[in-house]
Amino acid sequence: MEASPHSASNPPDIPWDAVVRFIRQLSHDLRNHLNAIELQSAFIGEIASEQEMKDEVKRLREMLSSAGAALQKLSADMGHARINSMPYKAADLVEDLRQRIESRRSESTPRIEWETNVGEGMVEVDPQLFPLVVQELIDNAVHFPSAGPLQFKAALEANGSLAMTFLEPKAEFARDVSTWGREPLKNIHHGHYGLGLNRARIIVEMHGGTLEASYDPKAKNLVTRIVLPGHQ
């Protein structure tokens, strides 16, 4: 008997946009359920008389909030970003990135060494969206620990482009970087679905820039390089 066109061995070829719509709708539906549970738990917290019960309800609401935030991030990571760019001094952009990242540091975040030499250069970026790119690189470094402090270098190139280089010390690195940020859902781990780098690349390319990665075996560094065109 011939296999049907959509048998287990020959699954349907579903367009990525359809997958995105499905995940976003599923996320929306699940968050509605979580919101209903959160409201019910808030009511239980109000009528509970024992402090121990109140504390447990509070922890439950925090767990529900975390689950909702995770679903919201998943939906955002799969969606297509819309940018609202504006002229920005390169020095201000890098400093804003530094302050944003440092203000969100936790005990699990590795130390970052910042090196900046951007002069009076200008770029055109979305100041709300672009920081998500750098935050994704930091989050990725936390998920895959480095062998030492991270380095973030920013400099203007001869053509006026802003080059930002992110170095992660890695004693060993065997992953293929030729398709870095171009294989969503390939590397899936608990709480991580291989979407962040793909979205980061899309955001950079929507700014007219490039995001590439390489491994320097001599220096033992994973090098991620972002280049944004200068503002004309």
C-alpha atoms as a PDB file:
ATOM      1  CA  MET A   1       0.000   0.000   0.000  1.00  0.00           C
ATOM      2  CA  GLU A   2       1.318   3.380  -0.954  1.00  0.00           C
ATOM      3  CA  ALA A   3       1.978   5.837   1.843  1.00  0.00           C
ATOM      4  CA  SER A   4      -0.477   8.695   1.992  1.00  0.00           C
ATOM      5  CA  PRO A   5       0.916  12.134   1.075  1.00  0.00           C
ATOM      6  CA  HIS A   6       0.911  13.129   4.749  1.00  0.00           C
ATOM      7  CA  SER A   7       1.992   9.889   6.419  1.00  0.00           C
ATOM      8  CA  ALA A   8       4.346   9.799   9.401  1.00  0.00           C
ATOM      9  CA  SER A   9       7.250   9.140   7.063  1.00  0.00           C
ATOM     10  CA  ASN A  10       6.194  11.989   4.765  1.00  0.00           C
ATOM     11  CA  PRO A  11       4.841  14.823   6.947  1.00  0.00           C
ATOM     12  CA  PRO A  12       3.214  17.887   5.349  1.00  0.00           C
ATOM     13  CA  ASP A  13       5.481  20.747   4.341  1.00  0.00           C
ATOM     14  CA  ILE A  14       3.987  23.568   6.414  1.00  0.00           C
ATOM     15  CA  PRO A  15       5.088  27.159   5.631  1.00  0.00           C
ATOM     16  CA  TRP A  16       6.955  28.940   8.408  1.00  0.00           C
ATOM     17  CA  ASP A  17       4.329  31.710   8.508  1.00  0.00           C
ATOM     18  CA  ALA A  18       1.672  29.099   9.271  1.00  0.00           C
ATOM     19  CA  VAL A  19       3.775  27.714  12.121  1.00  0.00           C
ATOM     20  CA  VAL A  20       4.212  31.243  13.499  1.00  0.00           C
ATOM     21  CA  ARG A  21       0.457  31.892  13.383  1.00  0.00           C
ATOM     22  CA  PHE A  22      -0.218  28.590  15.140  1.00  0.00           C
ATOM     23  CA  ILE A  23       2.297  29.245  17.932  1.00  0.00           C
ATOM     24  CA  ARG A  24       1.070  32.798  18.468  1.00  0.00           C
ATOM     25  CA  GLN A  25      -2.567  31.691  18.656  1.00  0.00           C
ATOM     26  CA  LEU A  26      -1.706  28.768  20.953  1.00  0.00           C
ATOM     27  CA  SER A  27       0.322  31.091  23.169  1.00  0.00           C
ATOM     28  CA  HIS A  28      -2.573  33.561  23.296  1.00  0.00           C
ATOM     29  CA  ASP A  29      -5.054  30.818  24.232  1.00  0.00           C
ATOM     30  CA  LEU A  30      -2.802  29.359  26.938  1.00  0.00           C
ATOM     31  CA  ARG A  31      -2.152  32.795  28.418  1.00  0.00           C
ATOM     32  CA  ASN A  32      -5.913  33.325  28.653  1.00  0.00           C
ATOM     33  CA  HIS A  33      -6.153  30.116  30.674  1.00  0.00           C
ATOM     34  CA  LEU A  34      -3.234  31.198  32.869  1.00  0.00           C
ATOM     35  CA  ASN A  35      -4.873  34.578  33.442  1.00  0.00           C
ATOM     36  CA  ALA A  36      -8.077  32.865  34.566  1.00  0.00           C
ATOM     37  CA  ILE A  37      -6.119  30.666  36.976  1.00  0.00           C
ATOM     38  CA  GLU A  38      -4.228  33.717  38.242  1.00  0.00           C
ATOM     39  CA  LEU A  39      -7.501  35.531  38.986  1.00  0.00           C
ATOM     40  CA  GLN A  40      -8.839  32.506  40.813  1.00  0.00           C
ATOM     41  CA  SER A  41      -5.638  32.191  42.856  1.00  0.00           C
ATOM     42  CA  ALA A  42      -5.851  35.908  43.714  1.00  0.00           C
ATOM     43  CA  PHE A  43      -9.364  35.316  45.061  1.00  0.00           C
ATOM     44  CA  ILE A  44      -8.157  32.338  47.109  1.00  0.00           C
ATOM     45  CA  GLY A  45      -5.375  34.515  48.502  1.00  0.00           C
ATOM     46  CA  GLU A  46      -7.925  37.102  49.614  1.00  0.00           C
ATOM     47  CA  ILE A  47     -10.160  34.648  51.456  1.00  0.00           C
ATOM     48  CA  ALA A  48      -7.340  32.543  52.932  1.00  0.00           C
ATOM     49  CA  SER A  49      -6.987  33.078  56.662  1.00  0.00           C
ATOM     50  CA  GLU A  50      -3.685  31.341  57.382  1.00  0.00           C
ATOM     51  CA  GLN A  51      -0.432  33.117  56.502  1.00  0.00           C
ATOM     52  CA  GLU A  52       1.134  29.886  55.236  1.00  0.00           C
ATOM     53  CA  MET A  53      -1.715  29.512  52.737  1.00  0.00           C
ATOM     54  CA  LYS A  54      -1.328  33.136  51.643  1.00  0.00           C
ATOM     55  CA  ASP A  55       2.412  32.581  51.072  1.00  0.00           C
ATOM     56  CA  GLU A  56       1.755  29.467  48.968  1.00  0.00           C
ATOM     57  CA  VAL A  57      -0.821  31.301  46.867  1.00  0.00           C
ATOM     58  CA  LYS A  58       1.687  34.114  46.327  1.00  0.00           C
ATOM     59  CA  ARG A  59       4.268  31.616  45.062  1.00  0.00           C
ATOM     60  CA  LEU A  60       1.647  30.063  42.797  1.00  0.00           C
ATOM     61  CA  ARG A  61       0.855  33.460  41.269  1.00  0.00           C
ATOM     62  CA  GLU A  62       4.565  34.098  40.678  1.00  0.00           C
ATOM     63  CA  MET A  63       4.834  30.748  38.860  1.00  0.00           C
ATOM     64  CA  LEU A  64       1.815  31.610  36.717  1.00  0.00           C
ATOM     65  CA  SER A  65       3.349  34.988  35.890  1.00  0.00           C
ATOM     66  CA  SER A  66       6.619  33.339  34.835  1.00  0.00           C
ATOM     67  CA  ALA A  67       4.776  30.863  32.619  1.00  0.00           C
ATOM     68  CA  GLY A  68       2.819  33.676  30.980  1.00  0.00           C
ATOM     69  CA  ALA A  69       5.991  35.689  30.368  1.00  0.00           C
ATOM     70  CA  ALA A  70       7.672  32.640  28.806  1.00  0.00           C
ATOM     71  CA  LEU A  71       4.753  32.167  26.412  1.00  0.00           C
ATOM     72  CA  GLN A  72       4.785  35.860  25.526  1.00  0.00           C
ATOM     73  CA  LYS A  73       8.527  35.723  24.778  1.00  0.00           C
ATOM     74  CA  LEU A  74       8.051  32.597  22.653  1.00  0.00           C
ATOM     75  CA  SER A  75       5.383  34.361  20.604  1.00  0.00           C
ATOM     76  CA  ALA A  76       7.588  37.452  20.212  1.00  0.00           C
ATOM     77  CA  ASP A  77      10.633  35.393  19.192  1.00  0.00           C
ATOM     78  CA  MET A  78       8.674  33.779  16.376  1.00  0.00           C
ATOM     79  CA  GLY A  79       7.071  36.965  15.109  1.00  0.00           C
ATOM     80  CA  HIS A  80       8.311  39.434  12.538  1.00  0.00           C
ATOM     81  CA  ALA A  81       9.617  42.604  14.141  1.00  0.00           C
ATOM     82  CA  ARG A  82       8.677  46.061  12.910  1.00  0.00           C
ATOM     83  CA  ILE A  83      11.346  48.689  13.345  1.00  0.00           C
ATOM     84  CA  ASN A  84      10.988  52.381  14.004  1.00  0.00           C
ATOM     85  CA  SER A  85      14.517  53.623  13.449  1.00  0.00           C
ATOM     86  CA  MET A  86      16.004  57.028  14.145  1.00  0.00           C
ATOM     87  CA  PRO A  87      19.444  58.667  13.842  1.00  0.00           C
ATOM     88  CA  TYR A  88      21.561  57.790  16.863  1.00  0.00           C
ATOM     89  CA  LYS A  89      25.059  58.706  17.912  1.00  0.00           C
ATOM     90  CA  ALA A  90      27.088  55.501  17.956  1.00  0.00           C
ATOM     91  CA  ALA A  91      28.684  56.465  21.283  1.00  0.00           C
ATOM     92  CA  ASP A  92      25.240  57.008  22.858  1.00  0.00           C
ATOM     93  CA  LEU A  93      23.961  53.704  21.486  1.00  0.00           C
ATOM     94  CA  VAL A  94      26.869  51.726  22.933  1.00  0.00           C
ATOM     95  CA  GLU A  95      26.607  53.514  26.279  1.00  0.00           C
ATOM     96  CA  ASP A  96      22.859  52.877  26.422  1.00  0.00           C
ATOM     97  CA  LEU A  97      23.491  49.214  25.663  1.00  0.00           C
ATOM     98  CA  ARG A  98      26.109  49.029  28.409  1.00  0.00           C
ATOM     99  CA  GLN A  99      23.839  50.634  30.992  1.00  0.00           C
ATOM    100  CA  ARG A 100      20.910  48.441  30.009  1.00  0.00           C
ATOM    101  CA  ILE A 101      22.913  45.215  30.218  1.00  0.00           C
ATOM    102  CA  GLU A 102      24.705  46.146  33.440  1.00  0.00           C
ATOM    103  CA  SER A 103      21.433  47.148  35.132  1.00  0.00           C
ATOM    104  CA  ARG A 104      20.008  43.699  34.407  1.00  0.00           C
ATOM    105  CA  ARG A 105      23.016  41.722  35.556  1.00  0.00           C
ATOM    106  CA  SER A 106      22.437  38.872  37.976  1.00  0.00           C
ATOM    107  CA  GLU A 107      24.710  36.441  39.756  1.00  0.00           C
ATOM    108  CA  SER A 108      24.478  34.103  36.767  1.00  0.00           C
ATOM    109  CA  THR A 109      25.544  36.796  34.276  1.00  0.00           C
ATOM    110  CA  PRO A 110      29.273  36.709  33.439  1.00  0.00           C
ATOM    111  CA  ARG A 111      31.332  39.856  33.755  1.00  0.00           C
ATOM    112  CA  ILE A 112      31.530  41.936  30.584  1.00  0.00           C
ATOM    113  CA  GLU A 113      34.502  44.040  29.536  1.00  0.00           C
ATOM    114  CA  TRP A 114      33.485  47.001  27.358  1.00  0.00           C
ATOM    115  CA  GLU A 115      35.847  48.583  24.839  1.00  0.00           C
ATOM    116  CA  THR A 116      34.551  51.491  22.769  1.00  0.00           C
ATOM    117  CA  ASN A 117      36.141  53.597  20.044  1.00  0.00           C
ATOM    118  CA  VAL A 118      33.351  55.051  17.925  1.00  0.00           C
ATOM    119  CA  GLY A 119      34.204  58.755  17.791  1.00  0.00           C
ATOM    120  CA  GLU A 120      31.417  60.937  16.404  1.00  0.00           C
ATOM    121  CA  GLY A 121      29.885  58.244  14.209  1.00  0.00           C
ATOM    122  CA  MET A 122      26.134  58.028  13.619  1.00  0.00           C
ATOM    123  CA  VAL A 123      23.874  55.065  12.923  1.00  0.00           C
ATOM    124  CA  GLU A 124      20.140  54.634  12.424  1.00  0.00           C
ATOM    125  CA  VAL A 125      18.529  52.185  14.834  1.00  0.00           C
ATOM    126  CA  ASP A 126      15.344  51.378  16.667  1.00  0.00           C
ATOM    127  CA  PRO A 127      16.369  52.190  20.269  1.00  0.00           C
ATOM    128  CA  GLN A 128      13.728  49.858  21.700  1.00  0.00           C
ATOM    129  CA  LEU A 129      14.238  46.889  19.399  1.00  0.00           C
ATOM    130  CA  PHE A 130      17.979  46.768  18.765  1.00  0.00           C
ATOM    131  CA  PRO A 131      18.981  46.245  22.441  1.00  0.00           C
ATOM    132  CA  LEU A 132      17.107  42.927  22.260  1.00  0.00           C
ATOM    133  CA  VAL A 133      19.844  41.708  19.906  1.00  0.00           C
ATOM    134  CA  VAL A 134      22.625  42.317  22.417  1.00  0.00           C
ATOM    135  CA  GLN A 135      20.480  40.980  25.267  1.00  0.00           C
ATOM    136  CA  GLU A 136      19.990  37.758  23.299  1.00  0.00           C
ATOM    137  CA  LEU A 137      23.752  37.346  22.950  1.00  0.00           C
ATOM    138  CA  ILE A 138      24.150  37.842  26.716  1.00  0.00           C
ATOM    139  CA  ASP A 139      21.345  35.392  27.492  1.00  0.00           C
ATOM    140  CA  ASN A 140      22.894  32.859  25.136  1.00  0.00           C
ATOM    141  CA  ALA A 141      26.249  33.248  26.882  1.00  0.00           C
ATOM    142  CA  VAL A 142      24.566  32.614  30.238  1.00  0.00           C
ATOM    143  CA  HIS A 143      22.858  29.485  28.910  1.00  0.00           C
ATOM    144  CA  PHE A 144      26.146  28.196  27.442  1.00  0.00           C
ATOM    145  CA  PRO A 145      28.704  29.320  30.075  1.00  0.00           C
ATOM    146  CA  SER A 146      32.005  30.804  28.939  1.00  0.00           C
ATOM    147  CA  ALA A 147      35.472  30.102  30.272  1.00  0.00           C
ATOM    148  CA  GLY A 148      36.022  33.707  31.383  1.00  0.00           C
ATOM    149  CA  PRO A 149      34.680  37.253  31.166  1.00  0.00           C
ATOM    150  CA  LEU A 150      32.930  38.339  27.993  1.00  0.00           C
ATOM    151  CA  GLN A 151      34.238  41.141  25.811  1.00  0.00           C
ATOM    152  CA  PHE A 152      32.171  43.672  23.896  1.00  0.00           C
ATOM    153  CA  LYS A 153      34.071  45.858  21.439  1.00  0.00           C
ATOM    154  CA  ALA A 154      32.633  48.647  19.330  1.00  0.00           C
ATOM    155  CA  ALA A 155      34.473  50.610  16.648  1.00  0.00           C
ATOM    156  CA  LEU A 156      33.782  52.600  13.499  1.00  0.00           C
ATOM    157  CA  GLU A 157      34.972  51.144  10.216  1.00  0.00           C
ATOM    158  CA  ALA A 158      36.494  53.183   7.401  1.00  0.00           C
ATOM    159  CA  ASN A 159      33.151  53.413   5.581  1.00  0.00           C
ATOM    160  CA  GLY A 160      31.397  54.763   8.673  1.00  0.00           C
ATOM    161  CA  SER A 161      29.726  51.492   9.651  1.00  0.00           C
ATOM    162  CA  LEU A 162      29.514  50.575  13.315  1.00  0.00           C
ATOM    163  CA  ALA A 163      31.072  47.192  14.062  1.00  0.00           C
ATOM    164  CA  MET A 164      30.233  45.530  17.364  1.00  0.00           C
ATOM    165  CA  THR A 165      32.174  42.414  18.280  1.00  0.00           C
ATOM    166  CA  PHE A 166      31.098  40.092  21.084  1.00  0.00           C
ATOM    167  CA  LEU A 167      33.701  37.596  22.291  1.00  0.00           C
ATOM    168  CA  GLU A 168      32.893  34.564  24.439  1.00  0.00           C
ATOM    169  CA  PRO A 169      35.837  32.497  25.748  1.00  0.00           C
ATOM    170  CA  LYS A 170      35.222  28.862  24.811  1.00  0.00           C
ATOM    171  CA  ALA A 171      37.888  26.252  25.462  1.00  0.00           C
ATOM    172  CA  GLU A 172      36.127  24.016  22.931  1.00  0.00           C
ATOM    173  CA  PHE A 173      33.470  24.770  20.336  1.00  0.00           C
ATOM    174  CA  ALA A 174      32.280  22.240  17.790  1.00  0.00           C
ATOM    175  CA  ARG A 175      29.054  23.796  16.461  1.00  0.00           C
ATOM    176  CA  ASP A 176      28.741  24.864  12.840  1.00  0.00           C
ATOM    177  CA  VAL A 177      28.579  28.671  12.705  1.00  0.00           C
ATOM    178  CA  SER A 178      28.048  28.947   8.944  1.00  0.00           C
ATOM    179  CA  THR A 179      24.282  29.021   9.518  1.00  0.00           C
ATOM    180  CA  TRP A 180      24.412  30.981  12.795  1.00  0.00           C
ATOM    181  CA  GLY A 181      21.000  32.441  13.559  1.00  0.00           C
ATOM    182  CA  ARG A 182      19.436  30.803  10.494  1.00  0.00           C
ATOM    183  CA  GLU A 183      18.146  27.519  11.914  1.00  0.00           C
ATOM    184  CA  PRO A 184      15.190  28.192  14.213  1.00  0.00           C
ATOM    185  CA  LEU A 185      13.944  25.245  16.284  1.00  0.00           C
ATOM    186  CA  LYS A 186      17.022  23.157  15.516  1.00  0.00           C
ATOM    187  CA  ASN A 187      18.768  23.351  18.911  1.00  0.00           C
ATOM    188  CA  ILE A 188      16.097  22.930  21.572  1.00  0.00           C
ATOM    189  CA  HIS A 189      16.784  22.767  25.299  1.00  0.00           C
ATOM    190  CA  HIS A 190      14.692  23.258  28.428  1.00  0.00           C
ATOM    191  CA  GLY A 191      13.259  26.754  28.172  1.00  0.00           C
ATOM    192  CA  HIS A 192      15.201  27.492  24.965  1.00  0.00           C
ATOM    193  CA  TYR A 193      13.851  26.768  21.499  1.00  0.00           C
ATOM    194  CA  GLY A 194      16.507  27.978  19.077  1.00  0.00           C
ATOM    195  CA  LEU A 195      14.550  31.109  18.193  1.00  0.00           C
ATOM    196  CA  GLY A 196      16.411  33.954  19.874  1.00  0.00           C
ATOM    197  CA  LEU A 197      19.426  34.103  17.573  1.00  0.00           C
ATOM    198  CA  ASN A 198      17.209  33.817  14.523  1.00  0.00           C
ATOM    199  CA  ARG A 199      15.151  36.810  15.670  1.00  0.00           C
ATOM    200  CA  ALA A 200      18.317  38.737  16.567  1.00  0.00           C
ATOM    201  CA  ARG A 201      19.636  38.198  13.026  1.00  0.00           C
ATOM    202  CA  ILE A 202      16.327  39.305  11.526  1.00  0.00           C
ATOM    203  CA  ILE A 203      16.341  42.495  13.600  1.00  0.00           C
ATOM    204  CA  VAL A 204      19.910  43.302  12.553  1.00  0.00           C
ATOM    205  CA  GLU A 205      19.134  42.676   8.877  1.00  0.00           C
ATOM    206  CA  MET A 206      16.033  44.869   9.088  1.00  0.00           C
ATOM    207  CA  HIS A 207      18.432  47.630  10.134  1.00  0.00           C
ATOM    208  CA  GLY A 208      20.422  46.956   6.958  1.00  0.00           C
ATOM    209  CA  GLY A 209      23.197  45.256   8.927  1.00  0.00           C
ATOM    210  CA  THR A 210      24.731  41.821   9.257  1.00  0.00           C
ATOM    211  CA  LEU A 211      25.202  39.337  12.095  1.00  0.00           C
ATOM    212  CA  GLU A 212      27.844  36.648  11.699  1.00  0.00           C
ATOM    213  CA  ALA A 213      29.705  34.280  13.993  1.00  0.00           C
ATOM    214  CA  SER A 214      33.049  32.496  13.861  1.00  0.00           C
ATOM    215  CA  TYR A 215      35.263  30.534  16.204  1.00  0.00           C
ATOM    216  CA  ASP A 216      38.866  31.590  16.759  1.00  0.00           C
ATOM    217  CA  PRO A 217      40.654  28.363  17.793  1.00  0.00           C
ATOM    218  CA  LYS A 218      43.891  30.186  18.589  1.00  0.00           C
ATOM    219  CA  ALA A 219      42.327  32.687  20.996  1.00  0.00           C
ATOM    220  CA  LYS A 220      39.624  30.152  21.925  1.00  0.00           C
ATOM    221  CA  ASN A 221      36.859  32.688  21.428  1.00  0.00           C
ATOM    222  CA  LEU A 222      33.409  32.444  19.910  1.00  0.00           C
ATOM    223  CA  VAL A 223      33.180  35.726  18.005  1.00  0.00           C
ATOM    224  CA  THR A 224      29.839  37.267  17.091  1.00  0.00           C
ATOM    225  CA  ARG A 225      30.118  40.335  14.868  1.00  0.00           C
ATOM    226  CA  ILE A 226      27.337  42.816  14.207  1.00  0.00           C
ATOM    227  CA  VAL A 227      27.798  45.534  11.597  1.00  0.00           C
ATOM    228  CA  LEU A 228      25.339  48.420  11.208  1.00  0.00           C
ATOM    229  CA  PRO A 229      25.622  50.855   8.293  1.00  0.00           C
ATOM    230  CA  GLY A 230      26.487  54.439   9.177  1.00  0.00           C
ATOM    231  CA  HIS A 231      23.781  57.088   9.025  1.00  0.00           C
ATOM    232  CA  GLN A 232      23.974  59.106   5.820  1.00  0.00           C
END
